[in-house]
Amino acid sequence: MANARRLGEIVATALQLLDEGGIDAVSLRAVAERMGVRVHTVSWHVKTKARLLELMADAVMGRVPLDDLPPDPADRFAELVRRYRRALLGVRDGARLVSGTYPAQEHTLRTIDALVAALLECGLDERTAAWSTWTAVYFTLGLTQEEQGASAPVGDILGAAVRPDTHPALSHVLGHLTGVTFEERFEFGLDLILRPVRERAGRLGGQV
């Protein structure tokens, strides 16, 4: 029990450092200094920085609430993905942290299990449910990482670089890439992922 408590303190301290200085500010030495202990005390519990980052990522996943979800499975999946995005946005460099780790830890497994379960309930076969969950997770991670790291709106960056003579296709659609919020882009992408899911559930007689 004491070991578990100390491990929790280490992860909580690392998350504080993350919020203060970003992921590059996190190290075993920095955690030890903040806690007022020796480095080997921290390394005894987490061994390596890679392991510490995994535990931090799982702690972020623990901020995805799994209660009070919609009864409809497609709506439940969508709400879980939205909550996942909010959890990532709630931590500095949250998407960068999670995308750089593969923690087979309890919070992560519970969240992914809930996502897959919702799609299976929609009537998707096992592979499609698993791979659609992958698609939603990596779409959310990528877009959120861009959102957290963007120094300027992507539309503004494109608008300054795109020229009709060399980028004719981009020039045609440029108006749809500027002045768009990350929230709008997220909801559009989530709808694209869910559309065939809803169609499948509809063919099976589900009300989605």
C-alpha atoms as a PDB file:
ATOM      1  CA  MET A   1       0.000   0.000   0.000  1.00  0.00           C
ATOM      2  CA  ALA A   2       2.847   2.389   0.836  1.00  0.00           C
ATOM      3  CA  ASN A   3       4.473   1.644  -2.516  1.00  0.00           C
ATOM      4  CA  ALA A   4       1.227   2.364  -4.353  1.00  0.00           C
ATOM      5  CA  ARG A   5       0.841   5.649  -2.463  1.00  0.00           C
ATOM      6  CA  ARG A   6       4.399   6.689  -3.303  1.00  0.00           C
ATOM      7  CA  LEU A   7       3.884   5.768  -6.964  1.00  0.00           C
ATOM      8  CA  GLY A   8       0.744   7.894  -7.024  1.00  0.00           C
ATOM      9  CA  GLU A   9       2.704  10.821  -5.584  1.00  0.00           C
ATOM     10  CA  ILE A  10       5.369  10.418  -8.264  1.00  0.00           C
ATOM     11  CA  VAL A  11       2.834  10.420 -11.087  1.00  0.00           C
ATOM     12  CA  ALA A  12       0.953  13.391  -9.601  1.00  0.00           C
ATOM     13  CA  THR A  13       4.203  15.341  -9.276  1.00  0.00           C
ATOM     14  CA  ALA A  14       5.167  14.499 -12.860  1.00  0.00           C
ATOM     15  CA  LEU A  15       1.780  15.766 -14.059  1.00  0.00           C
ATOM     16  CA  GLN A  16       2.365  19.025 -12.169  1.00  0.00           C
ATOM     17  CA  LEU A  17       5.696  19.439 -13.951  1.00  0.00           C
ATOM     18  CA  LEU A  18       3.979  18.674 -17.233  1.00  0.00           C
ATOM     19  CA  ASP A  19       1.392  21.404 -16.697  1.00  0.00           C
ATOM     20  CA  GLU A  20       4.096  23.897 -15.684  1.00  0.00           C
ATOM     21  CA  GLY A  21       6.734  23.248 -18.340  1.00  0.00           C
ATOM     22  CA  GLY A  22       5.414  20.803 -20.912  1.00  0.00           C
ATOM     23  CA  ILE A  23       6.525  17.261 -21.577  1.00  0.00           C
ATOM     24  CA  ASP A  24      10.176  18.235 -22.043  1.00  0.00           C
ATOM     25  CA  ALA A  25      10.274  19.429 -18.431  1.00  0.00           C
ATOM     26  CA  VAL A  26       9.448  15.963 -17.107  1.00  0.00           C
ATOM     27  CA  SER A  27      12.337  13.780 -15.948  1.00  0.00           C
ATOM     28  CA  LEU A  28      13.025  11.451 -13.052  1.00  0.00           C
ATOM     29  CA  ARG A  29      15.486  13.984 -11.654  1.00  0.00           C
ATOM     30  CA  ALA A  30      12.974  16.845 -11.896  1.00  0.00           C
ATOM     31  CA  VAL A  31      10.336  14.757 -10.139  1.00  0.00           C
ATOM     32  CA  ALA A  32      12.794  13.815  -7.387  1.00  0.00           C
ATOM     33  CA  GLU A  33      13.824  17.439  -6.865  1.00  0.00           C
ATOM     34  CA  ARG A  34      10.198  18.575  -6.663  1.00  0.00           C
ATOM     35  CA  MET A  35       9.416  15.832  -4.135  1.00  0.00           C
ATOM     36  CA  GLY A  36      12.594  16.468  -2.132  1.00  0.00           C
ATOM     37  CA  VAL A  37      13.855  12.894  -2.489  1.00  0.00           C
ATOM     38  CA  ARG A  38      16.801  11.201  -4.169  1.00  0.00           C
ATOM     39  CA  VAL A  39      16.592  10.215  -7.834  1.00  0.00           C
ATOM     40  CA  HIS A  40      16.988   6.529  -7.007  1.00  0.00           C
ATOM     41  CA  THR A  41      13.843   6.762  -4.852  1.00  0.00           C
ATOM     42  CA  VAL A  42      11.870   7.730  -7.947  1.00  0.00           C
ATOM     43  CA  SER A  43      13.645   5.292 -10.266  1.00  0.00           C
ATOM     44  CA  TRP A  44      13.022   2.433  -7.847  1.00  0.00           C
ATOM     45  CA  HIS A  45       9.286   2.888  -8.424  1.00  0.00           C
ATOM     46  CA  VAL A  46       9.166   3.743 -12.144  1.00  0.00           C
ATOM     47  CA  LYS A  47      12.548   2.459 -13.433  1.00  0.00           C
ATOM     48  CA  THR A  48      12.698   4.684 -16.529  1.00  0.00           C
ATOM     49  CA  LYS A  49      11.299   7.911 -17.918  1.00  0.00           C
ATOM     50  CA  ALA A  50       9.452   5.896 -20.556  1.00  0.00           C
ATOM     51  CA  ARG A  51       7.637   4.013 -17.805  1.00  0.00           C
ATOM     52  CA  LEU A  52       6.851   7.255 -16.006  1.00  0.00           C
ATOM     53  CA  LEU A  53       5.316   8.672 -19.177  1.00  0.00           C
ATOM     54  CA  GLU A  54       3.187   5.542 -19.550  1.00  0.00           C
ATOM     55  CA  LEU A  55       1.834   5.956 -16.033  1.00  0.00           C
ATOM     56  CA  MET A  56       1.176   9.637 -16.665  1.00  0.00           C
ATOM     57  CA  ALA A  57      -0.676   8.823 -19.876  1.00  0.00           C
ATOM     58  CA  ASP A  58      -2.829   6.294 -18.055  1.00  0.00           C
ATOM     59  CA  ALA A  59      -3.578   8.886 -15.387  1.00  0.00           C
ATOM     60  CA  VAL A  60      -4.818  11.213 -18.137  1.00  0.00           C
ATOM     61  CA  MET A  61      -7.023   8.398 -19.438  1.00  0.00           C
ATOM     62  CA  GLY A  62      -8.375   8.095 -15.924  1.00  0.00           C
ATOM     63  CA  ARG A  63      -9.911  11.533 -16.423  1.00  0.00           C
ATOM     64  CA  VAL A  64     -12.308  10.133 -19.044  1.00  0.00           C
ATOM     65  CA  PRO A  65     -15.588   9.569 -17.143  1.00  0.00           C
ATOM     66  CA  LEU A  66     -17.287   6.304 -18.012  1.00  0.00           C
ATOM     67  CA  ASP A  67     -20.554   6.981 -16.193  1.00  0.00           C
ATOM     68  CA  ASP A  68     -23.778   8.721 -17.256  1.00  0.00           C
ATOM     69  CA  LEU A  69     -23.353   7.740 -20.917  1.00  0.00           C
ATOM     70  CA  PRO A  70     -26.135   7.745 -23.525  1.00  0.00           C
ATOM     71  CA  PRO A  71     -28.010   4.432 -23.821  1.00  0.00           C
ATOM     72  CA  ASP A  72     -27.766   4.454 -27.617  1.00  0.00           C
ATOM     73  CA  PRO A  73     -24.440   2.755 -28.507  1.00  0.00           C
ATOM     74  CA  ALA A  74     -23.502   5.076 -31.385  1.00  0.00           C
ATOM     75  CA  ASP A  75     -24.222   8.144 -29.257  1.00  0.00           C
ATOM     76  CA  ARG A  76     -22.302   6.500 -26.422  1.00  0.00           C
ATOM     77  CA  PHE A  77     -19.270   5.994 -28.657  1.00  0.00           C
ATOM     78  CA  ALA A  78     -19.400   9.624 -29.812  1.00  0.00           C
ATOM     79  CA  GLU A  79     -19.675  10.904 -26.246  1.00  0.00           C
ATOM     80  CA  LEU A  80     -16.764   8.745 -25.121  1.00  0.00           C
ATOM     81  CA  VAL A  81     -14.574  10.131 -27.916  1.00  0.00           C
ATOM     82  CA  ARG A  82     -15.581  13.680 -26.953  1.00  0.00           C
ATOM     83  CA  ARG A  83     -14.709  12.994 -23.320  1.00  0.00           C
ATOM     84  CA  TYR A  84     -11.395  11.514 -24.452  1.00  0.00           C
ATOM     85  CA  ARG A  85     -10.604  14.708 -26.346  1.00  0.00           C
ATOM     86  CA  ARG A  86     -11.533  16.868 -23.357  1.00  0.00           C
ATOM     87  CA  ALA A  87      -9.256  14.797 -21.098  1.00  0.00           C
ATOM     88  CA  LEU A  88      -6.356  15.311 -23.511  1.00  0.00           C
ATOM     89  CA  LEU A  89      -7.043  19.043 -23.725  1.00  0.00           C
ATOM     90  CA  GLY A  90      -7.208  19.257 -19.945  1.00  0.00           C
ATOM     91  CA  VAL A  91      -3.485  18.520 -19.643  1.00  0.00           C
ATOM     92  CA  ARG A  92      -0.651  20.472 -21.202  1.00  0.00           C
ATOM     93  CA  ASP A  93       0.814  18.395 -24.051  1.00  0.00           C
ATOM     94  CA  GLY A  94      -1.803  15.773 -23.220  1.00  0.00           C
ATOM     95  CA  ALA A  95      -2.096  14.455 -26.761  1.00  0.00           C
ATOM     96  CA  ARG A  96       1.667  14.396 -27.238  1.00  0.00           C
ATOM     97  CA  LEU A  97       2.030  12.476 -23.984  1.00  0.00           C
ATOM     98  CA  VAL A  98      -0.593   9.858 -24.801  1.00  0.00           C
ATOM     99  CA  SER A  99       0.374   9.453 -28.459  1.00  0.00           C
ATOM    100  CA  GLY A 100       3.968   8.701 -27.487  1.00  0.00           C
ATOM    101  CA  THR A 101       3.095   5.842 -25.133  1.00  0.00           C
ATOM    102  CA  TYR A 102       1.381   2.448 -25.238  1.00  0.00           C
ATOM    103  CA  PRO A 103       0.225   1.914 -21.666  1.00  0.00           C
ATOM    104  CA  ALA A 104      -1.627  -1.348 -21.158  1.00  0.00           C
ATOM    105  CA  GLN A 105      -2.853   0.062 -17.854  1.00  0.00           C
ATOM    106  CA  GLU A 106      -6.238  -0.078 -16.201  1.00  0.00           C
ATOM    107  CA  HIS A 107      -7.646   3.371 -17.100  1.00  0.00           C
ATOM    108  CA  THR A 108      -6.535   3.077 -20.705  1.00  0.00           C
ATOM    109  CA  LEU A 109      -7.899  -0.451 -21.069  1.00  0.00           C
ATOM    110  CA  ARG A 110     -11.253   0.470 -19.512  1.00  0.00           C
ATOM    111  CA  THR A 111     -11.720   3.415 -21.852  1.00  0.00           C
ATOM    112  CA  ILE A 112     -10.800   1.459 -24.985  1.00  0.00           C
ATOM    113  CA  ASP A 113     -12.975  -1.438 -23.833  1.00  0.00           C
ATOM    114  CA  ALA A 114     -15.954   0.907 -23.494  1.00  0.00           C
ATOM    115  CA  LEU A 115     -15.369   2.280 -27.005  1.00  0.00           C
ATOM    116  CA  VAL A 116     -15.125  -1.182 -28.568  1.00  0.00           C
ATOM    117  CA  ALA A 117     -18.152  -2.409 -26.617  1.00  0.00           C
ATOM    118  CA  ALA A 118     -20.281   0.432 -27.967  1.00  0.00           C
ATOM    119  CA  LEU A 119     -19.377  -0.413 -31.560  1.00  0.00           C
ATOM    120  CA  LEU A 120     -19.978  -4.124 -31.048  1.00  0.00           C
ATOM    121  CA  GLU A 121     -23.400  -3.232 -29.679  1.00  0.00           C
ATOM    122  CA  CYS A 122     -24.019  -1.266 -32.886  1.00  0.00           C
ATOM    123  CA  GLY A 123     -23.640  -4.537 -34.787  1.00  0.00           C
ATOM    124  CA  LEU A 124     -20.139  -4.118 -36.182  1.00  0.00           C
ATOM    125  CA  ASP A 125     -18.027  -7.229 -36.610  1.00  0.00           C
ATOM    126  CA  GLU A 126     -15.049  -7.615 -34.302  1.00  0.00           C
ATOM    127  CA  ARG A 127     -12.376  -6.362 -36.703  1.00  0.00           C
ATOM    128  CA  THR A 128     -14.406  -3.347 -37.806  1.00  0.00           C
ATOM    129  CA  ALA A 129     -15.190  -2.438 -34.193  1.00  0.00           C
ATOM    130  CA  ALA A 130     -11.518  -2.702 -33.227  1.00  0.00           C
ATOM    131  CA  TRP A 131     -10.194  -0.796 -36.227  1.00  0.00           C
ATOM    132  CA  SER A 132     -12.903   1.884 -36.067  1.00  0.00           C
ATOM    133  CA  THR A 133     -11.890   2.489 -32.458  1.00  0.00           C
ATOM    134  CA  TRP A 134      -8.282   2.817 -33.606  1.00  0.00           C
ATOM    135  CA  THR A 135      -9.382   5.293 -36.269  1.00  0.00           C
ATOM    136  CA  ALA A 136     -11.278   7.463 -33.799  1.00  0.00           C
ATOM    137  CA  VAL A 137      -8.486   7.384 -31.220  1.00  0.00           C
ATOM    138  CA  TYR A 138      -5.710   8.310 -33.640  1.00  0.00           C
ATOM    139  CA  PHE A 139      -7.820  10.962 -35.354  1.00  0.00           C
ATOM    140  CA  THR A 140      -8.505  12.542 -31.962  1.00  0.00           C
ATOM    141  CA  LEU A 141      -4.882  12.303 -30.882  1.00  0.00           C
ATOM    142  CA  GLY A 142      -3.587  13.877 -34.089  1.00  0.00           C
ATOM    143  CA  LEU A 143      -6.047  16.741 -34.166  1.00  0.00           C
ATOM    144  CA  THR A 144      -5.637  17.457 -30.457  1.00  0.00           C
ATOM    145  CA  GLN A 145      -1.848  17.407 -30.729  1.00  0.00           C
ATOM    146  CA  GLU A 146      -2.107  19.966 -33.523  1.00  0.00           C
ATOM    147  CA  GLU A 147      -4.470  22.052 -31.409  1.00  0.00           C
ATOM    148  CA  GLN A 148      -2.200  22.006 -28.372  1.00  0.00           C
ATOM    149  CA  GLY A 149       0.935  22.751 -30.377  1.00  0.00           C
ATOM    150  CA  ALA A 150      -0.389  25.251 -32.898  1.00  0.00           C
ATOM    151  CA  SER A 151       1.339  28.636 -32.862  1.00  0.00           C
ATOM    152  CA  ALA A 152      -1.254  29.968 -35.316  1.00  0.00           C
ATOM    153  CA  PRO A 153      -4.460  28.651 -36.912  1.00  0.00           C
ATOM    154  CA  VAL A 154      -3.627  26.187 -39.679  1.00  0.00           C
ATOM    155  CA  GLY A 155      -5.823  28.151 -42.072  1.00  0.00           C
ATOM    156  CA  ASP A 156      -3.742  31.279 -41.539  1.00  0.00           C
ATOM    157  CA  ILE A 157      -0.542  29.348 -42.167  1.00  0.00           C
ATOM    158  CA  LEU A 158      -1.943  27.871 -45.363  1.00  0.00           C
ATOM    159  CA  GLY A 159      -3.379  31.195 -46.470  1.00  0.00           C
ATOM    160  CA  ALA A 160       0.061  32.774 -46.360  1.00  0.00           C
ATOM    161  CA  ALA A 161       1.685  29.962 -48.356  1.00  0.00           C
ATOM    162  CA  VAL A 162      -0.870  28.767 -50.919  1.00  0.00           C
ATOM    163  CA  ARG A 163      -0.701  30.274 -54.427  1.00  0.00           C
ATOM    164  CA  PRO A 164      -3.231  29.593 -57.195  1.00  0.00           C
ATOM    165  CA  ASP A 165      -0.553  28.956 -59.817  1.00  0.00           C
ATOM    166  CA  THR A 166       1.251  26.241 -57.863  1.00  0.00           C
ATOM    167  CA  HIS A 167      -1.490  24.943 -55.551  1.00  0.00           C
ATOM    168  CA  PRO A 168      -4.711  25.160 -57.607  1.00  0.00           C
ATOM    169  CA  ALA A 169      -6.693  22.555 -55.641  1.00  0.00           C
ATOM    170  CA  LEU A 170      -5.787  24.046 -52.267  1.00  0.00           C
ATOM    171  CA  SER A 171      -6.649  27.500 -53.591  1.00  0.00           C
ATOM    172  CA  HIS A 172     -10.146  26.303 -54.451  1.00  0.00           C
ATOM    173  CA  VAL A 173     -10.829  24.963 -50.975  1.00  0.00           C
ATOM    174  CA  LEU A 174      -8.844  27.504 -48.974  1.00  0.00           C
ATOM    175  CA  GLY A 175     -11.979  29.282 -47.838  1.00  0.00           C
ATOM    176  CA  HIS A 176     -13.035  26.085 -46.073  1.00  0.00           C
ATOM    177  CA  LEU A 177      -9.705  25.769 -44.280  1.00  0.00           C
ATOM    178  CA  THR A 178      -9.605  29.256 -42.773  1.00  0.00           C
ATOM    179  CA  GLY A 179     -11.693  30.527 -39.903  1.00  0.00           C
ATOM    180  CA  VAL A 180     -12.583  26.987 -38.816  1.00  0.00           C
ATOM    181  CA  THR A 181     -12.319  25.971 -35.180  1.00  0.00           C
ATOM    182  CA  PHE A 182     -10.730  22.774 -33.954  1.00  0.00           C
ATOM    183  CA  GLU A 183     -14.098  21.875 -32.431  1.00  0.00           C
ATOM    184  CA  GLU A 184     -15.751  22.078 -35.845  1.00  0.00           C
ATOM    185  CA  ARG A 185     -13.027  19.977 -37.435  1.00  0.00           C
ATOM    186  CA  PHE A 186     -13.292  17.405 -34.662  1.00  0.00           C
ATOM    187  CA  GLU A 187     -17.063  17.055 -34.949  1.00  0.00           C
ATOM    188  CA  PHE A 188     -16.824  16.763 -38.740  1.00  0.00           C
ATOM    189  CA  GLY A 189     -14.257  13.972 -38.499  1.00  0.00           C
ATOM    190  CA  LEU A 190     -16.164  12.168 -35.759  1.00  0.00           C
ATOM    191  CA  ASP A 191     -19.309  12.283 -37.890  1.00  0.00           C
ATOM    192  CA  LEU A 192     -17.424  10.750 -40.835  1.00  0.00           C
ATOM    193  CA  ILE A 193     -16.227   7.903 -38.632  1.00  0.00           C
ATOM    194  CA  LEU A 194     -19.670   7.306 -37.141  1.00  0.00           C
ATOM    195  CA  ARG A 195     -21.727   7.581 -40.318  1.00  0.00           C
ATOM    196  CA  PRO A 196     -21.157   3.990 -41.522  1.00  0.00           C
ATOM    197  CA  VAL A 197     -21.585   2.794 -37.943  1.00  0.00           C
ATOM    198  CA  ARG A 198     -25.030   4.365 -37.765  1.00  0.00           C
ATOM    199  CA  GLU A 199     -25.921   2.994 -41.200  1.00  0.00           C
ATOM    200  CA  ARG A 200     -24.896  -0.494 -40.104  1.00  0.00           C
ATOM    201  CA  ALA A 201     -26.918  -0.253 -36.920  1.00  0.00           C
ATOM    202  CA  GLY A 202     -29.878   1.045 -38.919  1.00  0.00           C
ATOM    203  CA  ARG A 203     -29.768  -1.941 -41.278  1.00  0.00           C
ATOM    204  CA  LEU A 204     -29.834  -4.230 -38.258  1.00  0.00           C
ATOM    205  CA  GLY A 205     -32.950  -2.489 -37.007  1.00  0.00           C
ATOM    206  CA  GLY A 206     -31.263  -0.420 -34.320  1.00  0.00           C
ATOM    207  CA  GLN A 207     -32.619   3.003 -33.556  1.00  0.00           C
ATOM    208  CA  VAL A 208     -29.589   5.303 -33.824  1.00  0.00           C
END
